[in-house]
Amino acid sequence: MCPNNRKVLFKRYSTRTDKNGFTREFKIYECEDCSDCPLKSRCSKAAGNRQVHYNPIYEELKTKAKVNLWS
């Protein structure tokens, strides 16, 4: 759910390769409709609907790094 209580639904899978040749896979979720949302300016800079790019492997690595830094 977005901050305005609208559904953020799975849209597609995406793959990106960075300049070093490392390939990352993302799940892309998109809000169902942001056209008349009063919170859009605080929620997203996108011209269309808000999108969330989620990489579970990257999120796991960030969590492990955070735990290591705080221990």
C-alpha atoms as a PDB file:
ATOM      1  CA  MET A   1       0.000   0.000   0.000  1.00  0.00           C
ATOM      2  CA  CYS A   2       1.192   3.525  -0.728  1.00  0.00           C
ATOM      3  CA  PRO A   3       0.954   6.413   1.786  1.00  0.00           C
ATOM      4  CA  ASN A   4      -2.472   7.273   0.306  1.00  0.00           C
ATOM      5  CA  ASN A   5      -3.721   3.680   0.879  1.00  0.00           C
ATOM      6  CA  ARG A   6      -3.669   2.698  -2.789  1.00  0.00           C
ATOM      7  CA  LYS A   7      -2.439  -0.717  -3.882  1.00  0.00           C
ATOM      8  CA  VAL A   8       1.127  -1.073  -5.143  1.00  0.00           C
ATOM      9  CA  LEU A   9       0.932  -4.136  -7.393  1.00  0.00           C
ATOM     10  CA  PHE A  10       3.618  -6.308  -8.941  1.00  0.00           C
ATOM     11  CA  LYS A  11       4.177  -5.205 -12.549  1.00  0.00           C
ATOM     12  CA  ARG A  12       7.194  -7.084 -13.955  1.00  0.00           C
ATOM     13  CA  TYR A  13      10.735  -8.379 -13.489  1.00  0.00           C
ATOM     14  CA  SER A  14      13.674  -6.289 -14.673  1.00  0.00           C
ATOM     15  CA  THR A  15      17.390  -6.953 -15.120  1.00  0.00           C
ATOM     16  CA  ARG A  16      20.108  -4.289 -15.069  1.00  0.00           C
ATOM     17  CA  THR A  17      23.797  -4.569 -15.804  1.00  0.00           C
ATOM     18  CA  ASP A  18      26.008  -1.849 -14.315  1.00  0.00           C
ATOM     19  CA  LYS A  19      29.176  -0.382 -15.856  1.00  0.00           C
ATOM     20  CA  ASN A  20      31.280  -3.062 -14.113  1.00  0.00           C
ATOM     21  CA  GLY A  21      29.298  -5.883 -15.728  1.00  0.00           C
ATOM     22  CA  PHE A  22      27.424  -6.909 -12.563  1.00  0.00           C
ATOM     23  CA  THR A  23      23.847  -7.981 -13.339  1.00  0.00           C
ATOM     24  CA  ARG A  24      21.064  -7.343 -10.834  1.00  0.00           C
ATOM     25  CA  GLU A  25      17.490  -8.550 -10.961  1.00  0.00           C
ATOM     26  CA  PHE A  26      14.602  -6.459  -9.657  1.00  0.00           C
ATOM     27  CA  LYS A  27      10.911  -6.917  -9.001  1.00  0.00           C
ATOM     28  CA  ILE A  28       9.059  -3.769 -10.050  1.00  0.00           C
ATOM     29  CA  TYR A  29       5.889  -2.777  -8.256  1.00  0.00           C
ATOM     30  CA  GLU A  30       3.697   0.138  -9.391  1.00  0.00           C
ATOM     31  CA  CYS A  31       0.917   2.073  -7.698  1.00  0.00           C
ATOM     32  CA  GLU A  32      -2.450   1.515  -9.354  1.00  0.00           C
ATOM     33  CA  ASP A  33      -3.170   5.243  -9.985  1.00  0.00           C
ATOM     34  CA  CYS A  34      -1.344   8.382  -8.838  1.00  0.00           C
ATOM     35  CA  SER A  35      -3.083  10.865 -11.153  1.00  0.00           C
ATOM     36  CA  ASP A  36      -5.194  12.658  -8.514  1.00  0.00           C
ATOM     37  CA  CYS A  37      -3.156  11.811  -5.411  1.00  0.00           C
ATOM     38  CA  PRO A  38      -2.626  14.712  -2.956  1.00  0.00           C
ATOM     39  CA  LEU A  39       0.548  13.033  -1.580  1.00  0.00           C
ATOM     40  CA  LYS A  40       2.276  12.458  -4.932  1.00  0.00           C
ATOM     41  CA  SER A  41       4.715  15.378  -4.631  1.00  0.00           C
ATOM     42  CA  ARG A  42       6.005  13.957  -1.326  1.00  0.00           C
ATOM     43  CA  CYS A  43       5.854  10.336  -2.445  1.00  0.00           C
ATOM     44  CA  SER A  44       7.382  10.302  -5.943  1.00  0.00           C
ATOM     45  CA  LYS A  45       9.160  12.502  -8.475  1.00  0.00           C
ATOM     46  CA  ALA A  46       8.000  10.306 -11.364  1.00  0.00           C
ATOM     47  CA  ALA A  47       5.814  11.727 -14.118  1.00  0.00           C
ATOM     48  CA  GLY A  48       3.612   8.613 -14.039  1.00  0.00           C
ATOM     49  CA  ASN A  49       2.696   6.284 -11.221  1.00  0.00           C
ATOM     50  CA  ARG A  50       5.046   5.586  -8.309  1.00  0.00           C
ATOM     51  CA  GLN A  51       7.277   2.569  -8.843  1.00  0.00           C
ATOM     52  CA  VAL A  52       9.213   0.547  -6.294  1.00  0.00           C
ATOM     53  CA  HIS A  53      12.211  -1.495  -7.484  1.00  0.00           C
ATOM     54  CA  TYR A  54      12.902  -4.351  -5.059  1.00  0.00           C
ATOM     55  CA  ASN A  55      15.933  -6.641  -5.076  1.00  0.00           C
ATOM     56  CA  PRO A  56      15.679  -9.216  -2.233  1.00  0.00           C
ATOM     57  CA  ILE A  57      19.358 -10.215  -2.468  1.00  0.00           C
ATOM     58  CA  TYR A  58      20.505  -6.587  -2.195  1.00  0.00           C
ATOM     59  CA  GLU A  59      18.161  -5.991   0.759  1.00  0.00           C
ATOM     60  CA  GLU A  60      19.623  -9.029   2.542  1.00  0.00           C
ATOM     61  CA  LEU A  61      23.185  -7.808   1.955  1.00  0.00           C
ATOM     62  CA  LYS A  62      22.297  -4.338   3.284  1.00  0.00           C
ATOM     63  CA  THR A  63      20.825  -5.889   6.436  1.00  0.00           C
ATOM     64  CA  LYS A  64      23.945  -8.012   7.013  1.00  0.00           C
ATOM     65  CA  ALA A  65      26.205  -4.974   6.529  1.00  0.00           C
ATOM     66  CA  LYS A  66      24.109  -2.925   8.944  1.00  0.00           C
ATOM     67  CA  VAL A  67      24.306  -5.661  11.601  1.00  0.00           C
ATOM     68  CA  ASN A  68      28.089  -5.895  11.140  1.00  0.00           C
ATOM     69  CA  LEU A  69      28.525  -2.124  11.406  1.00  0.00           C
ATOM     70  CA  TRP A  70      26.490  -1.900  14.613  1.00  0.00           C
ATOM     71  CA  SER A  71      28.156  -4.916  16.320  1.00  0.00           C
END
